[in-house]
N, C-alpha and C. Protein backbone atom coordinates (compact mmCIF):
# COMPACT_ATOMS: atom_id res chain seq x y z
N MET A 1 33.69 -0.25 -10.62
CA MET A 1 33.34 -1.07 -9.66
C MET A 1 32.83 -2.62 -10.68
N PRO A 2 33.13 -3.57 -10.77
CA PRO A 2 32.66 -4.74 -11.15
C PRO A 2 31.28 -5.56 -10.57
N ASN A 3 30.38 -5.95 -11.41
CA ASN A 3 29.09 -6.69 -10.65
C ASN A 3 28.20 -4.96 -10.06
N THR A 4 28.59 -4.03 -10.57
CA THR A 4 27.63 -3.24 -10.19
C THR A 4 25.77 -3.39 -11.08
N TRP A 5 25.48 -3.38 -9.98
CA TRP A 5 23.53 -2.68 -10.92
C TRP A 5 22.84 -1.96 -10.46
N LEU A 6 22.28 -1.19 -11.14
CA LEU A 6 21.90 -0.37 -10.47
C LEU A 6 20.02 -0.19 -10.65
N GLY A 7 19.50 0.25 -9.34
CA GLY A 7 18.47 0.44 -10.25
C GLY A 7 18.11 1.56 -9.67
N HIS A 8 17.21 2.02 -10.67
CA HIS A 8 16.76 3.48 -10.66
C HIS A 8 14.80 3.21 -11.22
N SER A 9 13.96 4.17 -9.85
CA SER A 9 13.47 4.62 -9.81
C SER A 9 12.58 5.34 -10.65
N LEU A 10 12.44 5.91 -11.90
CA LEU A 10 12.60 7.13 -12.73
C LEU A 10 10.98 7.99 -12.73
N ASP A 11 10.40 7.35 -12.44
CA ASP A 11 8.68 8.36 -11.62
C ASP A 11 9.92 9.64 -10.28
N LEU A 12 10.82 9.04 -9.86
CA LEU A 12 11.13 9.67 -8.68
C LEU A 12 12.57 10.21 -9.04
N ASP A 13 13.83 9.55 -9.91
CA ASP A 13 14.89 9.76 -10.41
C ASP A 13 15.87 9.11 -9.31
N ILE A 14 15.58 8.30 -8.73
CA ILE A 14 16.39 7.84 -6.92
C ILE A 14 17.02 7.00 -8.05
N MET A 15 17.82 6.06 -7.14
CA MET A 15 18.38 5.39 -7.75
C MET A 15 19.36 4.49 -6.37
N ALA A 16 20.08 3.24 -6.29
CA ALA A 16 20.66 3.03 -5.31
C ALA A 16 21.70 1.30 -6.50
N GLN A 17 21.97 1.37 -5.35
CA GLN A 17 22.99 -0.21 -6.17
C GLN A 17 23.70 -1.41 -5.33
N GLY A 18 24.13 -2.72 -6.27
CA GLY A 18 23.48 -3.28 -5.80
C GLY A 18 24.84 -4.70 -6.30
N ILE A 19 25.25 -5.40 -5.62
CA ILE A 19 25.71 -6.47 -6.60
C ILE A 19 25.23 -7.47 -7.33
N SER A 20 23.56 -7.15 -7.18
CA SER A 20 23.08 -8.70 -8.21
C SER A 20 22.35 -7.36 -8.64
N SER A 21 20.63 -7.46 -9.74
CA SER A 21 19.89 -6.81 -9.36
C SER A 21 18.85 -7.25 -8.53
N GLU A 22 19.64 -8.36 -7.40
CA GLU A 22 18.10 -8.77 -6.31
C GLU A 22 18.59 -7.03 -5.28
N GLN A 23 19.37 -7.02 -4.82
CA GLN A 23 20.43 -6.34 -4.33
C GLN A 23 20.16 -5.11 -4.37
N ALA A 24 20.42 -4.23 -5.81
CA ALA A 24 19.78 -2.88 -6.34
C ALA A 24 18.46 -2.66 -6.31
N VAL A 25 17.87 -3.82 -6.25
CA VAL A 25 16.23 -3.47 -6.70
C VAL A 25 15.47 -3.37 -4.94
N ALA A 26 15.93 -4.59 -3.72
CA ALA A 26 16.13 -4.29 -2.15
C ALA A 26 16.68 -3.25 -1.96
N ALA A 27 18.16 -2.67 -2.32
CA ALA A 27 18.62 -1.12 -1.81
C ALA A 27 17.63 -0.25 -2.26
N LEU A 28 16.78 0.20 -3.68
CA LEU A 28 16.21 0.59 -3.97
C LEU A 28 14.93 1.00 -3.90
N MET A 29 14.74 -0.51 -2.87
CA MET A 29 12.96 -0.22 -2.37
C MET A 29 13.36 0.88 -0.69
N GLU A 30 14.87 0.32 0.13
CA GLU A 30 15.19 1.03 1.10
C GLU A 30 15.31 2.30 1.05
N VAL A 31 15.69 2.89 -0.31
CA VAL A 31 16.14 4.17 -0.12
C VAL A 31 14.25 4.86 -0.93
N LEU A 32 13.59 4.71 -0.67
CA LEU A 32 12.07 4.74 -1.53
C LEU A 32 11.42 4.96 0.14
N SER A 33 11.78 3.91 1.15
CA SER A 33 10.92 3.74 1.91
C SER A 33 11.79 4.94 2.95
N GLU A 34 13.13 5.16 3.04
CA GLU A 34 13.24 5.64 3.95
C GLU A 34 13.09 7.31 3.07
N THR A 35 13.28 7.63 2.35
CA THR A 35 12.89 8.83 1.72
C THR A 35 11.38 9.27 1.62
N ILE A 36 10.01 8.60 1.70
CA ILE A 36 9.15 9.14 2.13
C ILE A 36 8.72 8.88 4.04
N ALA A 37 9.57 8.00 4.25
CA ALA A 37 9.43 8.29 5.20
C ALA A 37 9.99 9.47 6.76
N PHE A 38 11.37 10.25 5.81
CA PHE A 38 11.61 11.51 6.17
C PHE A 38 10.90 12.48 5.65
N ARG A 39 10.25 12.24 4.70
CA ARG A 39 9.62 13.50 4.11
C ARG A 39 8.04 13.62 5.08
N LEU A 40 7.61 12.23 5.60
CA LEU A 40 6.51 12.37 6.73
C LEU A 40 6.88 12.92 7.76
N THR A 41 8.35 13.08 8.69
CA THR A 41 8.93 13.50 9.50
C THR A 41 9.05 14.51 9.23
N GLN A 42 9.28 14.56 8.11
CA GLN A 42 9.40 16.73 8.18
C GLN A 42 8.12 17.68 7.83
N GLY A 43 6.62 16.57 7.67
CA GLY A 43 5.68 17.70 7.65
C GLY A 43 5.41 17.47 5.73
N LEU A 44 6.10 17.09 5.01
CA LEU A 44 6.07 17.52 3.66
C LEU A 44 5.37 16.28 2.97
N PRO A 45 5.06 16.46 2.15
CA PRO A 45 4.32 15.55 1.37
C PRO A 45 4.83 13.77 1.32
N PRO A 46 4.56 13.13 1.08
CA PRO A 46 5.29 11.61 0.99
C PRO A 46 6.43 10.98 -0.08
N ILE A 47 5.96 12.30 -1.35
CA ILE A 47 6.46 11.81 -2.48
C ILE A 47 6.24 12.96 -3.45
N LYS A 48 7.75 13.09 -3.47
CA LYS A 48 7.24 14.98 -4.53
C LYS A 48 7.60 14.35 -6.18
N TRP A 49 6.59 14.43 -7.31
CA TRP A 49 7.18 13.37 -8.61
C TRP A 49 8.45 14.65 -8.86
N SER A 50 9.74 13.71 -9.80
CA SER A 50 10.11 14.88 -9.62
C SER A 50 10.86 13.32 -10.83
N PRO A 51 9.94 13.57 -12.01
CA PRO A 51 10.44 12.23 -13.02
C PRO A 51 11.69 12.47 -13.38
N ALA A 52 12.70 11.27 -13.69
CA ALA A 52 14.18 11.51 -14.24
C ALA A 52 14.01 11.84 -15.65
N PRO A 53 15.04 12.65 -16.56
CA PRO A 53 15.24 13.32 -17.71
C PRO A 53 14.53 11.67 -19.12
N ASP A 54 14.19 13.13 -19.42
CA ASP A 54 13.13 11.86 -20.91
C ASP A 54 13.70 11.79 -21.63
N GLU A 55 15.80 11.68 -21.75
CA GLU A 55 16.50 10.93 -22.94
C GLU A 55 16.85 9.45 -21.93
N VAL A 56 16.50 9.52 -19.46
CA VAL A 56 16.75 8.22 -19.39
C VAL A 56 15.62 7.04 -19.32
N TRP A 57 14.75 7.91 -19.60
CA TRP A 57 13.17 7.07 -20.13
C TRP A 57 13.42 6.60 -21.34
N LYS A 58 13.92 7.64 -22.15
CA LYS A 58 14.16 6.51 -23.15
C LYS A 58 14.90 5.31 -23.77
N GLY A 59 16.70 5.60 -22.92
CA GLY A 59 17.27 4.57 -22.60
C GLY A 59 16.65 3.48 -22.38
N ALA A 60 16.05 3.82 -21.28
CA ALA A 60 14.82 2.78 -20.65
C ALA A 60 14.54 1.70 -21.46
N GLU A 61 13.10 1.97 -21.83
CA GLU A 61 12.56 1.75 -23.30
C GLU A 61 12.92 1.29 -24.01
N SER A 62 14.33 1.55 -24.59
CA SER A 62 14.86 1.23 -25.00
C SER A 62 15.82 0.38 -25.39
N SER A 63 16.03 0.34 -24.34
CA SER A 63 16.71 -1.03 -23.48
C SER A 63 15.80 -2.62 -22.99
N ILE A 64 14.66 -2.20 -22.91
CA ILE A 64 13.42 -3.37 -23.32
C ILE A 64 12.87 -3.63 -23.74
N GLY A 65 13.20 -2.24 -25.00
CA GLY A 65 12.23 -3.16 -26.32
C GLY A 65 10.61 -2.12 -26.29
N GLN A 66 9.97 -1.26 -25.12
CA GLN A 66 8.45 -0.98 -25.82
C GLN A 66 8.52 0.05 -23.93
N ALA A 67 7.44 0.74 -25.16
CA ALA A 67 7.12 2.02 -23.61
C ALA A 67 6.11 2.12 -22.62
N LEU A 68 7.44 2.94 -21.68
CA LEU A 68 6.88 2.67 -19.95
C LEU A 68 5.81 3.62 -20.18
N ASP A 69 5.24 3.29 -18.91
CA ASP A 69 3.91 4.44 -18.33
C ASP A 69 5.09 5.74 -17.71
N ARG A 70 4.71 6.66 -18.08
CA ARG A 70 5.25 7.88 -17.84
C ARG A 70 3.43 8.31 -16.89
N ASN A 71 2.96 7.63 -16.11
CA ASN A 71 2.49 8.78 -15.57
C ASN A 71 2.70 7.86 -14.09
N PRO A 72 3.05 9.01 -12.94
CA PRO A 72 2.90 8.92 -11.20
C PRO A 72 1.67 7.42 -11.14
N PRO A 73 2.37 6.22 -10.55
CA PRO A 73 1.71 5.57 -10.21
C PRO A 73 0.52 5.43 -9.16
N VAL A 74 0.89 6.56 -8.68
CA VAL A 74 -0.19 7.60 -6.89
C VAL A 74 -0.38 8.50 -7.18
N SER A 75 -1.51 9.13 -7.03
CA SER A 75 -1.32 10.22 -7.44
C SER A 75 -1.11 11.18 -6.31
N PRO A 76 -0.36 12.41 -6.97
CA PRO A 76 -0.19 13.15 -5.19
C PRO A 76 -1.16 13.82 -4.99
N HIS A 77 -0.67 13.76 -3.57
CA HIS A 77 -1.23 13.92 -2.34
C HIS A 77 -1.71 15.75 -2.32
N ASN A 78 -2.40 16.29 -2.10
CA ASN A 78 -2.94 17.77 -2.66
C ASN A 78 -3.98 18.33 -0.99
N GLY A 79 -4.18 17.62 -0.34
CA GLY A 79 -4.48 17.54 1.34
C GLY A 79 -3.53 18.23 1.85
N ASP A 80 -4.20 18.10 3.70
CA ASP A 80 -3.56 18.92 4.38
C ASP A 80 -2.32 17.93 4.80
N ARG A 81 -1.41 18.64 4.67
CA ARG A 81 0.40 17.54 4.59
C ARG A 81 0.23 17.52 5.74
N THR A 82 -0.92 17.53 6.89
CA THR A 82 0.09 17.19 7.94
C THR A 82 -0.47 15.93 8.55
N VAL A 83 -1.60 15.21 7.79
CA VAL A 83 -2.87 14.68 8.04
C VAL A 83 -2.54 13.69 6.67
N ILE A 84 -2.38 12.40 6.60
CA ILE A 84 -2.11 11.38 5.35
C ILE A 84 -2.62 10.52 5.80
N SER A 85 -3.71 9.47 5.45
CA SER A 85 -4.07 8.69 6.28
C SER A 85 -3.34 7.47 5.54
N ASP A 86 -3.81 6.28 6.38
CA ASP A 86 -2.97 4.08 6.22
C ASP A 86 -3.59 4.48 4.71
N VAL A 87 -4.97 4.52 3.90
CA VAL A 87 -5.03 3.85 2.94
C VAL A 87 -3.55 4.62 2.20
N TYR A 88 -4.04 5.96 1.78
CA TYR A 88 -2.94 7.08 0.71
C TYR A 88 -1.58 5.86 0.80
N LEU A 89 -0.91 5.84 2.04
CA LEU A 89 0.57 5.60 2.60
C LEU A 89 0.42 4.04 1.96
N ARG A 90 -0.72 3.44 2.40
CA ARG A 90 -0.88 1.32 1.81
C ARG A 90 -0.22 2.34 -0.06
N GLY A 91 -0.76 2.97 -0.11
CA GLY A 91 -0.77 3.00 -1.96
C GLY A 91 -0.07 3.38 -2.62
N ILE A 92 0.91 4.37 -2.12
CA ILE A 92 1.81 4.56 -2.15
C ILE A 92 3.09 3.32 -1.68
N CYS A 93 3.07 2.34 -1.30
CA CYS A 93 3.77 1.27 -0.55
C CYS A 93 3.67 0.45 -1.14
N ARG A 94 2.25 0.16 -2.05
CA ARG A 94 2.38 -0.63 -3.10
C ARG A 94 2.36 -0.85 -4.12
N ALA A 95 2.17 1.04 -4.05
CA ALA A 95 2.75 1.26 -5.84
C ALA A 95 3.99 1.02 -6.02
N PHE A 96 5.21 1.63 -4.88
CA PHE A 96 6.91 1.07 -4.90
C PHE A 96 6.97 -0.20 -4.31
N GLY A 97 6.04 -1.30 -4.69
CA GLY A 97 6.42 -1.89 -4.11
C GLY A 97 7.22 -2.69 -2.58
N ILE A 98 7.20 -1.51 -1.21
CA ILE A 98 7.23 -1.61 -0.47
C ILE A 98 6.63 -2.17 1.05
N ASP A 99 6.97 -3.13 1.42
CA ASP A 99 5.87 -3.22 2.52
C ASP A 99 5.62 -2.45 3.81
N PHE A 100 4.08 -2.22 3.88
CA PHE A 100 4.25 -1.22 4.56
C PHE A 100 4.39 -1.19 5.63
N GLU A 101 4.06 -3.20 6.84
CA GLU A 101 4.16 -2.94 7.97
C GLU A 101 5.87 -1.79 8.19
N THR A 102 6.55 -2.85 7.58
CA THR A 102 8.03 -2.49 7.89
C THR A 102 8.40 -0.87 7.42
N PHE A 103 7.64 -0.17 6.68
CA PHE A 103 7.60 1.18 6.28
C PHE A 103 6.97 1.94 6.92
N LYS A 104 6.63 1.47 8.53
CA LYS A 104 4.88 2.00 9.42
C LYS A 104 6.30 2.82 10.64
N SER A 105 7.00 1.72 10.94
CA SER A 105 7.74 1.18 11.46
C SER A 105 9.39 2.34 11.50
N LYS A 106 8.82 2.41 10.21
CA LYS A 106 10.34 4.35 10.11
C LYS A 106 9.97 5.18 10.80
N LEU A 107 8.49 5.45 10.89
CA LEU A 107 8.05 6.69 11.24
C LEU A 107 8.16 7.30 12.97
């Protein structure tokens, strides 16, 4: 497919595509937002850390010419799965560049 760009959340190994880099990133933000909202409605932790394989990280690092931080941008939620505070959700949204109010409207 010509002019296809991919957005890849290496921390979660989730991908999306678009016809421009901006559209690929926007699609990725939507997928992340929908995934987090779905997990919350199912009583699951908002995110499941499942990083991309090491060779994918190495490829990304090679393409930008520097090492990437492989630590999760937000700590896993280890408390009661049925109660997750707005503070924690705001942190997740901030870490992934998701608008909090738009995200909350999905819940």
